PDB file of N, CA and C in Angstrom:
ATOM      1  N   UNK A   1     -20.096 109.874-145.439  1.00  0.00           N
ATOM      2  CA  UNK A   1     -20.689 108.572-145.247  1.00  0.00           C
ATOM      3  C   UNK A   1     -19.566 107.570-145.006  1.00  0.00           C
ATOM      4  N   UNK A   2     -19.717 106.806-143.957  1.00  0.00           N
ATOM      5  CA  UNK A   2     -18.758 105.763-143.642  1.00  0.00           C
ATOM      6  C   UNK A   2     -19.428 104.422-143.880  1.00  0.00           C
ATOM      7  N   UNK A   3     -18.885 103.649-144.820  1.00  0.00           N
ATOM      8  CA  UNK A   3     -19.491 102.360-145.109  1.00  0.00           C
ATOM      9  C   UNK A   3     -18.419 101.286-145.212  1.00  0.00           C
ATOM     10  N   UNK A   4     -18.832 100.064-144.944  1.00  0.00           N
ATOM     11  CA  UNK A   4     -17.937  98.917-144.919  1.00  0.00           C
ATOM     12  C   UNK A   4     -18.571  97.774-145.685  1.00  0.00           C
ATOM     13  N   UNK A   5     -17.751  97.052-146.434  1.00  0.00           N
ATOM     14  CA  UNK A   5     -18.198  95.871-147.167  1.00  0.00           C
ATOM     15  C   UNK A   5     -17.993  94.650-146.282  1.00  0.00           C
ATOM     16  N   UNK A   6     -18.879  93.684-146.400  1.00  0.00           N
ATOM     17  CA  UNK A   6     -18.733  92.464-145.631  1.00  0.00           C
ATOM     18  C   UNK A   6     -19.772  91.442-146.028  1.00  0.00           C
ATOM     19  N   UNK A   7     -19.970  90.476-145.143  1.00  0.00           N
ATOM     20  CA  UNK A   7     -20.988  89.460-145.364  1.00  0.00           C
ATOM     21  C   UNK A   7     -21.869  89.356-144.132  1.00  0.00           C
ATOM     22  N   UNK A   8     -23.073  88.878-144.348  1.00  0.00           N
ATOM     23  CA  UNK A   8     -24.057  88.718-143.284  1.00  0.00           C
ATOM     24  C   UNK A   8     -24.534  87.276-143.292  1.00  0.00           C
ATOM     25  N   UNK A   9     -24.646  86.704-142.103  1.00  0.00           N
ATOM     26  CA  UNK A   9     -25.221  85.370-141.979  1.00  0.00           C
ATOM     27  C   UNK A   9     -25.986  85.295-140.669  1.00  0.00           C
ATOM     28  N   UNK A  10     -26.834  84.309-140.573  1.00  0.00           N
ATOM     29  CA  UNK A  10     -27.600  84.071-139.361  1.00  0.00           C
ATOM     30  C   UNK A  10     -26.763  83.206-138.421  1.00  0.00           C
ATOM     31  N   UNK A  11     -26.947  83.324-137.103  1.00  0.00           N
ATOM     32  CA  UNK A  11     -26.224  82.453-136.173  1.00  0.00           C
ATOM     33  C   UNK A  11     -26.494  80.980-136.496  1.00  0.00           C
ATOM     34  N   UNK A  12     -25.439  80.176-136.506  1.00  0.00           N
ATOM     35  CA  UNK A  12     -25.557  78.759-136.802  1.00  0.00           C
ATOM     36  C   UNK A  12     -25.556  78.424-138.282  1.00  0.00           C
ATOM     37  N   UNK A  13     -25.638  79.429-139.134  1.00  0.00           N
ATOM     38  CA  UNK A  13     -25.660  79.210-140.572  1.00  0.00           C
ATOM     39  C   UNK A  13     -24.245  78.954-141.086  1.00  0.00           C
ATOM     40  N   UNK A  14     -24.101  77.987-141.958  1.00  0.00           N
ATOM     41  CA  UNK A  14     -22.820  77.677-142.582  1.00  0.00           C
ATOM     42  C   UNK A  14     -22.764  78.346-143.944  1.00  0.00           C
ATOM     43  N   UNK A  15     -21.568  78.498-144.474  1.00  0.00           N
ATOM     44  CA  UNK A  15     -21.423  79.037-145.813  1.00  0.00           C
ATOM     45  C   UNK A  15     -20.890  80.455-145.803  1.00  0.00           C
ATOM     46  N   UNK A  16     -20.746  81.002-147.002  1.00  0.00           N
ATOM     47  CA  UNK A  16     -20.076  82.297-147.146  1.00  0.00           C
ATOM     48  C   UNK A  16     -20.899  83.502-146.690  1.00  0.00           C
ATOM     49  N   UNK A  17     -22.184  83.398-146.597  1.00  0.00           N
ATOM     50  CA  UNK A  17     -23.020  84.533-146.214  1.00  0.00           C
ATOM     51  C   UNK A  17     -23.395  85.396-147.401  1.00  0.00           C
ATOM     52  N   UNK A  18     -24.189  86.390-147.127  1.00  0.00           N
ATOM     53  CA  UNK A  18     -24.718  87.318-148.129  1.00  0.00           C
ATOM     54  C   UNK A  18     -23.855  88.570-148.149  1.00  0.00           C
ATOM     55  N   UNK A  19     -23.401  88.978-149.313  1.00  0.00           N
ATOM     56  CA  UNK A  19     -22.606  90.202-149.429  1.00  0.00           C
ATOM     57  C   UNK A  19     -23.438  91.428-149.093  1.00  0.00           C
ATOM     58  N   UNK A  20     -22.909  92.273-148.194  1.00  0.00           N
ATOM     59  CA  UNK A  20     -23.639  93.462-147.763  1.00  0.00           C
ATOM     60  C   UNK A  20     -22.709  94.668-147.656  1.00  0.00           C
ATOM     61  N   UNK A  21     -23.331  95.827-147.620  1.00  0.00           N
ATOM     62  CA  UNK A  21     -22.663  97.078-147.272  1.00  0.00           C
ATOM     63  C   UNK A  21     -23.300  97.566-145.983  1.00  0.00           C
ATOM     64  N   UNK A  22     -22.464  97.891-145.011  1.00  0.00           N
ATOM     65  CA  UNK A  22     -22.952  98.422-143.735  1.00  0.00           C
ATOM     66  C   UNK A  22     -22.633  99.910-143.724  1.00  0.00           C
ATOM     67  N   UNK A  23     -23.661 100.727-143.610  1.00  0.00           N
ATOM     68  CA  UNK A  23     -23.551 102.184-143.642  1.00  0.00           C
ATOM     69  C   UNK A  23     -23.675 102.717-142.217  1.00  0.00           C
ATOM     70  N   UNK A  24     -22.677 103.449-141.781  1.00  0.00           N
ATOM     71  CA  UNK A  24     -22.670 104.011-140.427  1.00  0.00           C
ATOM     72  C   UNK A  24     -22.807 105.528-140.444  1.00  0.00           C
ATOM     73  N   UNK A  25     -23.574 106.047-141.369  1.00  0.00           N
ATOM     74  CA  UNK A  25     -23.760 107.487-141.496  1.00  0.00           C
ATOM     75  C   UNK A  25     -24.584 108.040-140.344  1.00  0.00           C
ATOM     76  N   UNK A  26     -24.087 109.085-139.727  1.00  0.00           N
ATOM     77  CA  UNK A  26     -24.845 109.771-138.682  1.00  0.00           C
ATOM     78  C   UNK A  26     -25.205 108.893-137.516  1.00  0.00           C
ATOM     79  N   UNK A  27     -26.446 108.990-137.092  1.00  0.00           N
ATOM     80  CA  UNK A  27     -26.931 108.255-135.925  1.00  0.00           C
ATOM     81  C   UNK A  27     -27.638 106.965-136.312  1.00  0.00           C
ATOM     82  N   UNK A  28     -27.399 106.492-137.541  1.00  0.00           N
ATOM     83  CA  UNK A  28     -28.073 105.280-137.999  1.00  0.00           C
ATOM     84  C   UNK A  28     -27.069 104.233-138.450  1.00  0.00           C
ATOM     85  N   UNK A  29     -27.539 102.989-138.441  1.00  0.00           N
ATOM     86  CA  UNK A  29     -26.803 101.871-139.018  1.00  0.00           C
ATOM     87  C   UNK A  29     -27.713 101.266-140.072  1.00  0.00           C
ATOM     88  N   UNK A  30     -27.218 101.179-141.289  1.00  0.00           N
ATOM     89  CA  UNK A  30     -27.988 100.582-142.365  1.00  0.00           C
ATOM     90  C   UNK A  30     -27.244  99.388-142.935  1.00  0.00           C
ATOM     91  N   UNK A  31     -27.969  98.341-143.277  1.00  0.00           N
ATOM     92  CA  UNK A  31     -27.391  97.155-143.910  1.00  0.00           C
ATOM     93  C   UNK A  31     -28.112  96.974-145.228  1.00  0.00           C
ATOM     94  N   UNK A  32     -27.320  96.896-146.298  1.00  0.00           N
ATOM     95  CA  UNK A  32     -27.895  96.826-147.638  1.00  0.00           C
ATOM     96  C   UNK A  32     -27.157  95.763-148.453  1.00  0.00           C
ATOM     97  N   UNK A  33     -27.926  95.043-149.242  1.00  0.00           N
ATOM     98  CA  UNK A  33     -27.348  94.126-150.209  1.00  0.00           C
ATOM     99  C   UNK A  33     -27.383  94.830-151.563  1.00  0.00           C
ATOM    100  N   UNK A  34     -26.905  94.190-152.594  1.00  0.00           N
ATOM    101  CA  UNK A  34     -26.823  94.833-153.908  1.00  0.00           C
ATOM    102  C   UNK A  34     -28.145  95.427-154.370  1.00  0.00           C
ATOM    103  N   UNK A  35     -29.247  94.769-154.088  1.00  0.00           N
ATOM    104  CA  UNK A  35     -30.505  95.243-154.641  1.00  0.00           C
ATOM    105  C   UNK A  35     -31.517  95.805-153.669  1.00  0.00           C
ATOM    106  N   UNK A  36     -31.287  95.651-152.357  1.00  0.00           N
ATOM    107  CA  UNK A  36     -32.339  96.061-151.426  1.00  0.00           C
ATOM    108  C   UNK A  36     -31.776  96.371-150.041  1.00  0.00           C
ATOM    109  N   UNK A  37     -32.539  97.194-149.316  1.00  0.00           N
ATOM    110  CA  UNK A  37     -32.206  97.445-147.921  1.00  0.00           C
ATOM    111  C   UNK A  37     -32.621  96.247-147.083  1.00  0.00           C
ATOM    112  N   UNK A  38     -31.733  95.796-146.220  1.00  0.00           N
ATOM    113  CA  UNK A  38     -32.066  94.744-145.268  1.00  0.00           C
ATOM    114  C   UNK A  38     -32.639  95.375-144.015  1.00  0.00           C
ATOM    115  N   UNK A  39     -32.053  96.501-143.618  1.00  0.00           N
ATOM    116  CA  UNK A  39     -32.565  97.206-142.454  1.00  0.00           C
ATOM    117  C   UNK A  39     -31.819  98.486-142.194  1.00  0.00           C
ATOM    118  N   UNK A  40     -32.476  99.394-141.475  1.00  0.00           N
ATOM    119  CA  UNK A  40     -31.869 100.662-141.058  1.00  0.00           C
ATOM    120  C   UNK A  40     -32.425 100.961-139.683  1.00  0.00           C
ATOM    121  N   UNK A  41     -31.506 101.191-138.725  1.00  0.00           N
ATOM    122  CA  UNK A  41     -31.907 101.399-137.345  1.00  0.00           C
ATOM    123  C   UNK A  41     -31.139 102.563-136.735  1.00  0.00           C
ATOM    124  N   UNK A  42     -31.750 103.198-135.755  1.00  0.00           N
ATOM    125  CA  UNK A  42     -31.027 104.193-134.955  1.00  0.00           C
ATOM    126  C   UNK A  42     -29.943 103.457-134.178  1.00  0.00           C
ATOM    127  N   UNK A  43     -28.770 104.048-134.058  1.00  0.00           N
ATOM    128  CA  UNK A  43     -27.672 103.392-133.335  1.00  0.00           C
ATOM    129  C   UNK A  43     -28.071 103.014-131.912  1.00  0.00           C
ATOM    130  N   UNK A  44     -28.896 103.823-131.296  1.00  0.00           N
ATOM    131  CA  UNK A  44     -29.331 103.532-129.926  1.00  0.00           C
ATOM    132  C   UNK A  44     -30.211 102.287-129.845  1.00  0.00           C
ATOM    133  N   UNK A  45     -30.787 101.864-130.961  1.00  0.00           N
ATOM    134  CA  UNK A  45     -31.670 100.699-130.985  1.00  0.00           C
ATOM    135  C   UNK A  45     -30.959  99.408-131.382  1.00  0.00           C
ATOM    136  N   UNK A  46     -29.651  99.498-131.615  1.00  0.00           N
ATOM    137  CA  UNK A  46     -28.868  98.359-132.079  1.00  0.00           C
ATOM    138  C   UNK A  46     -27.766  98.060-131.081  1.00  0.00           C
ATOM    139  N   UNK A  47     -27.531  96.782-130.862  1.00  0.00           N
ATOM    140  CA  UNK A  47     -26.400  96.359-130.032  1.00  0.00           C
ATOM    141  C   UNK A  47     -25.440  95.594-130.931  1.00  0.00           C
ATOM    142  N   UNK A  48     -24.166  96.003-130.911  1.00  0.00           N
ATOM    143  CA  UNK A  48     -23.136  95.317-131.690  1.00  0.00           C
ATOM    144  C   UNK A  48     -22.066  94.834-130.727  1.00  0.00           C
ATOM    145  N   UNK A  49     -21.753  93.537-130.817  1.00  0.00           N
ATOM    146  CA  UNK A  49     -20.700  92.945-130.003  1.00  0.00           C
ATOM    147  C   UNK A  49     -19.684  92.295-130.925  1.00  0.00           C
ATOM    148  N   UNK A  50     -18.411  92.549-130.674  1.00  0.00           N
ATOM    149  CA  UNK A  50     -17.342  91.889-131.421  1.00  0.00           C
ATOM    150  C   UNK A  50     -17.062  90.548-130.763  1.00  0.00           C
ATOM    151  N   UNK A  51     -17.170  89.492-131.544  1.00  0.00           N
ATOM    152  CA  UNK A  51     -16.919  88.133-131.064  1.00  0.00           C
ATOM    153  C   UNK A  51     -15.877  87.501-131.986  1.00  0.00           C
ATOM    154  N   UNK A  52     -15.416  86.320-131.618  1.00  0.00           N
ATOM    155  CA  UNK A  52     -14.417  85.635-132.442  1.00  0.00           C
ATOM    156  C   UNK A  52     -14.925  85.297-133.837  1.00  0.00           C
ATOM    157  N   UNK A  53     -16.234  85.098-133.995  1.00  0.00           N
ATOM    158  CA  UNK A  53     -16.786  84.716-135.300  1.00  0.00           C
ATOM    159  C   UNK A  53     -17.362  85.890-136.094  1.00  0.00           C
ATOM    160  N   UNK A  54     -17.180  87.116-135.621  1.00  0.00           N
ATOM    161  CA  UNK A  54     -17.668  88.292-136.332  1.00  0.00           C
ATOM    162  C   UNK A  54     -18.370  89.255-135.398  1.00  0.00           C
ATOM    163  N   UNK A  55     -19.009  90.237-135.979  1.00  0.00           N
ATOM    164  CA  UNK A  55     -19.739  91.238-135.206  1.00  0.00           C
ATOM    165  C   UNK A  55     -21.194  90.795-135.102  1.00  0.00           C
ATOM    166  N   UNK A  56     -21.675  90.595-133.900  1.00  0.00           N
ATOM    167  CA  UNK A  56     -23.059  90.197-133.683  1.00  0.00           C
ATOM    168  C   UNK A  56     -23.898  91.462-133.555  1.00  0.00           C
ATOM    169  N   UNK A  57     -24.806  91.648-134.490  1.00  0.00           N
ATOM    170  CA  UNK A  57     -25.690  92.810-134.506  1.00  0.00           C
ATOM    171  C   UNK A  57     -27.070  92.339-134.083  1.00  0.00           C
ATOM    172  N   UNK A  58     -27.603  92.999-133.041  1.00  0.00           N
ATOM    173  CA  UNK A  58     -28.945  92.669-132.554  1.00  0.00           C
ATOM    174  C   UNK A  58     -29.833  93.898-132.692  1.00  0.00           C
ATOM    175  N   UNK A  59     -30.973  93.702-133.343  1.00  0.00           N
ATOM    176  CA  UNK A  59     -31.948  94.771-133.521  1.00  0.00           C
ATOM    177  C   UNK A  59     -33.330  94.151-133.655  1.00  0.00           C
ATOM    178  N   UNK A  60     -34.298  94.776-133.051  1.00  0.00           N
ATOM    179  CA  UNK A  60     -35.697  94.343-133.148  1.00  0.00           C
ATOM    180  C   UNK A  60     -35.870  92.864-132.805  1.00  0.00           C
ATOM    181  N   UNK A  61     -35.123  92.384-131.822  1.00  0.00           N
ATOM    182  CA  UNK A  61     -35.257  91.005-131.376  1.00  0.00           C
ATOM    183  C   UNK A  61     -34.583  89.972-132.269  1.00  0.00           C
ATOM    184  N   UNK A  62     -33.894  90.400-133.286  1.00  0.00           N
ATOM    185  CA  UNK A  62     -33.210  89.492-134.214  1.00  0.00           C
ATOM    186  C   UNK A  62     -31.702  89.676-134.087  1.00  0.00           C
ATOM    187  N   UNK A  63     -30.963  88.646-134.451  1.00  0.00           N
ATOM    188  CA  UNK A  63     -29.505  88.708-134.417  1.00  0.00           C
ATOM    189  C   UNK A  63     -28.940  88.211-135.738  1.00  0.00           C
ATOM    190  N   UNK A  64     -27.948  88.931-136.257  1.00  0.00           N
ATOM    191  CA  UNK A  64     -27.196  88.498-137.435  1.00  0.00           C
ATOM    192  C   UNK A  64     -25.718  88.637-137.109  1.00  0.00           C
ATOM    193  N   UNK A  65     -24.909  87.953-137.884  1.00  0.00           N
ATOM    194  CA  UNK A  65     -23.460  88.042-137.709  1.00  0.00           C
ATOM    195  C   UNK A  65     -22.880  88.691-138.956  1.00  0.00           C
ATOM    196  N   UNK A  66     -22.131  89.757-138.740  1.00  0.00           N
ATOM    197  CA  UNK A  66     -21.455  90.464-139.828  1.00  0.00           C
ATOM    198  C   UNK A  66     -19.975  90.116-139.795  1.00  0.00           C
ATOM    199  N   UNK A  67     -19.443  89.741-140.938  1.00  0.00           N
ATOM    200  CA  UNK A  67     -18.007  89.557-141.072  1.00  0.00           C
ATOM    201  C   UNK A  67     -17.507  90.716-141.922  1.00  0.00           C
ATOM    202  N   UNK A  68     -16.690  91.564-141.328  1.00  0.00           N
ATOM    203  CA  UNK A  68     -16.189  92.769-141.977  1.00  0.00           C
ATOM    204  C   UNK A  68     -14.673  92.639-142.103  1.00  0.00           C
ATOM    205  N   UNK A  69     -14.117  92.564-143.329  1.00  0.00           N
ATOM    206  CA  UNK A  69     -12.670  92.441-143.469  1.00  0.00           C
ATOM    207  C   UNK A  69     -11.890  93.575-142.786  1.00  0.00           C
ATOM    208  N   UNK A  70     -12.385  94.792-142.860  1.00  0.00           N
ATOM    209  CA  UNK A  70     -11.757  95.940-142.186  1.00  0.00           C
ATOM    210  C   UNK A  70     -12.310  96.025-140.768  1.00  0.00           C
ATOM    211  N   UNK A  71     -12.061  94.969-139.980  1.00  0.00           N
ATOM    212  CA  UNK A  71     -12.714  94.832-138.682  1.00  0.00           C
ATOM    213  C   UNK A  71     -12.339  95.916-137.674  1.00  0.00           C
ATOM    214  N   UNK A  72     -11.072  96.299-137.608  1.00  0.00           N
ATOM    215  CA  UNK A  72     -10.668  97.305-136.617  1.00  0.00           C
ATOM    216  C   UNK A  72     -11.272  98.680-136.919  1.00  0.00           C
ATOM    217  N   UNK A  73     -11.181  99.183-138.156  1.00  0.00           N
ATOM    218  CA  UNK A  73     -11.845 100.462-138.438  1.00  0.00           C
ATOM    219  C   UNK A  73     -13.357 100.403-138.210  1.00  0.00           C
ATOM    220  N   UNK A  74     -13.975  99.265-138.526  1.00  0.00           N
ATOM    221  CA  UNK A  74     -15.409  99.108-138.302  1.00  0.00           C
ATOM    222  C   UNK A  74     -15.724  99.181-136.807  1.00  0.00           C
ATOM    223  N   UNK A  75     -14.951  98.463-136.004  1.00  0.00           N
ATOM    224  CA  UNK A  75     -15.173  98.460-134.556  1.00  0.00           C
ATOM    225  C   UNK A  75     -15.027  99.868-133.983  1.00  0.00           C
ATOM    226  N   UNK A  76     -14.038 100.597-134.438  1.00  0.00           N
ATOM    227  CA  UNK A  76     -13.831 101.970-133.968  1.00  0.00           C
ATOM    228  C   UNK A  76     -14.999 102.849-134.398  1.00  0.00           C
ATOM    229  N   UNK A  77     -15.432 102.715-135.659  1.00  0.00           N
ATOM    230  CA  UNK A  77     -16.553 103.519-136.163  1.00  0.00           C
ATOM    231  C   UNK A  77     -17.842 103.224-135.396  1.00  0.00           C
ATOM    232  N   UNK A  78     -17.975 101.986-134.901  1.00  0.00           N
ATOM    233  CA  UNK A  78     -19.158 101.611-134.112  1.00  0.00           C
ATOM    234  C   UNK A  78     -19.045 102.060-132.665  1.00  0.00           C
ATOM    235  N   UNK A  79     -17.863 102.521-132.264  1.00  0.00           N
ATOM    236  CA  UNK A  79     -17.673 102.957-130.891  1.00  0.00           C
ATOM    237  C   UNK A  79     -17.439 101.818-129.914  1.00  0.00           C
ATOM    238  N   UNK A  80     -17.013 100.666-130.412  1.00  0.00           N
ATOM    239  CA  UNK A  80     -16.790  99.525-129.531  1.00  0.00           C
ATOM    240  C   UNK A  80     -15.544  99.735-128.673  1.00  0.00           C
ATOM    241  N   UNK A  81     -15.622  99.298-127.439  1.00  0.00           N
ATOM    242  CA  UNK A  81     -14.468  99.364-126.536  1.00  0.00           C
ATOM    243  C   UNK A  81     -14.090  97.984-126.026  1.00  0.00           C
ATOM    244  N   UNK A  82     -14.937  96.997-126.251  1.00  0.00           N
ATOM    245  CA  UNK A  82     -14.678  95.622-125.830  1.00  0.00           C
ATOM    246  C   UNK A  82     -14.626  94.755-127.081  1.00  0.00           C
ATOM    247  N   UNK A  83     -13.550  93.938-127.177  1.00  0.00           N
ATOM    248  CA  UNK A  83     -13.375  93.086-128.349  1.00  0.00           C
ATOM    249  C   UNK A  83     -12.406  91.961-128.000  1.00  0.00           C
ATOM    250  N   UNK A  84     -12.372  90.911-128.824  1.00  0.00           N
ATOM    251  CA  UNK A  84     -11.375  89.865-128.620  1.00  0.00           C
ATOM    252  C   UNK A  84      -9.956  90.450-128.701  1.00  0.00           C
ATOM    253  N   UNK A  85      -8.975  89.805-128.082  1.00  0.00           N
ATOM    254  CA  UNK A  85      -7.624  90.375-127.976  1.00  0.00           C
ATOM    255  C   UNK A  85      -6.989  90.817-129.297  1.00  0.00           C
ATOM    256  N   UNK A  86      -7.053  89.993-130.344  1.00  0.00           N
ATOM    257  CA  UNK A  86      -6.426  90.381-131.608  1.00  0.00           C
ATOM    258  C   UNK A  86      -7.067  91.641-132.176  1.00  0.00           C
ATOM    259  N   UNK A  87      -8.371  91.713-132.139  1.00  0.00           N
ATOM    260  CA  UNK A  87      -9.065  92.899-132.639  1.00  0.00           C
ATOM    261  C   UNK A  87      -8.731  94.119-131.782  1.00  0.00           C
ATOM    262  N   UNK A  88      -8.648  93.960-130.481  1.00  0.00           N
ATOM    263  CA  UNK A  88      -8.273  95.088-129.605  1.00  0.00           C
ATOM    264  C   UNK A  88      -6.888  95.621-129.964  1.00  0.00           C
ATOM    265  N   UNK A  89      -5.951  94.715-130.257  1.00  0.00           N
ATOM    266  CA  UNK A  89      -4.599  95.163-130.641  1.00  0.00           C
ATOM    267  C   UNK A  89      -4.634  95.952-131.944  1.00  0.00           C
ATOM    268  N   UNK A  90      -5.419  95.469-132.921  1.00  0.00           N
ATOM    269  CA  UNK A  90      -5.523  96.187-134.195  1.00  0.00           C
ATOM    270  C   UNK A  90      -6.187  97.549-134.004  1.00  0.00           C
ATOM    271  N   UNK A  91      -7.206  97.613-133.170  1.00  0.00           N
ATOM    272  CA  UNK A  91      -7.875  98.889-132.884  1.00  0.00           C
ATOM    273  C   UNK A  91      -6.900  99.858-132.213  1.00  0.00           C
ATOM    274  N   UNK A  92      -6.147  99.350-131.255  1.00  0.00           N
ATOM    275  CA  UNK A  92      -5.193 100.175-130.520  1.00  0.00           C
ATOM    276  C   UNK A  92      -4.137 100.742-131.466  1.00  0.00           C
ATOM    277  N   UNK A  93      -3.650  99.923-132.403  1.00  0.00           N
ATOM    278  CA  UNK A  93      -2.652 100.399-133.356  1.00  0.00           C
ATOM    279  C   UNK A  93      -3.206 101.536-134.208  1.00  0.00           C
ATOM    280  N   UNK A  94      -4.455 101.415-134.633  1.00  0.00           N
ATOM    281  CA  UNK A  94      -5.070 102.488-135.432  1.00  0.00           C
ATOM    282  C   UNK A  94      -5.198 103.753-134.589  1.00  0.00           C
ATOM    283  N   UNK A  95      -5.658 103.622-133.372  1.00  0.00           N
ATOM    284  CA  UNK A  95      -5.853 104.790-132.511  1.00  0.00           C
ATOM    285  C   UNK A  95      -4.539 105.467-132.162  1.00  0.00           C
ATOM    286  N   UNK A  96      -3.459 104.692-132.114  1.00  0.00           N
ATOM    287  CA  UNK A  96      -2.128 105.272-131.857  1.00  0.00           C
ATOM    288  C   UNK A  96      -1.506 105.842-133.116  1.00  0.00           C
ATOM    289  N   UNK A  97      -2.119 105.599-134.271  1.00  0.00           N
ATOM    290  CA  UNK A  97      -1.628 106.136-135.521  1.00  0.00           C
ATOM    291  C   UNK A  97      -0.533 105.305-136.163  1.00  0.00           C
ATOM    292  N   UNK A  98      -0.457 104.041-135.808  1.00  0.00           N
ATOM    293  CA  UNK A  98       0.584 103.161-136.379  1.00  0.00           C
ATOM    294  C   UNK A  98       0.174 102.644-137.738  1.00  0.00           C
TER     295      UNK A  98
END
């Protein structure tokens, strides 16, 4: 199981966000808070884009923003190939084994 800690917020929302765990096990993406599942989707049904303000996750017509401190490993685990320049450099360093 590959999981990442982070925060979730809605677009335009200010503040620290809700603490979540993002689970990337198998062909699914799950988002869970301490007490409940927020959602679980097939990877094919979710679109994730790396932006300057976090990872924008779109599923079922809704969008949330995930801030993941381990952003480069998360982006790689999600299979992202497009990202802002700083994140691309961090991803490249991991893939090169630096």
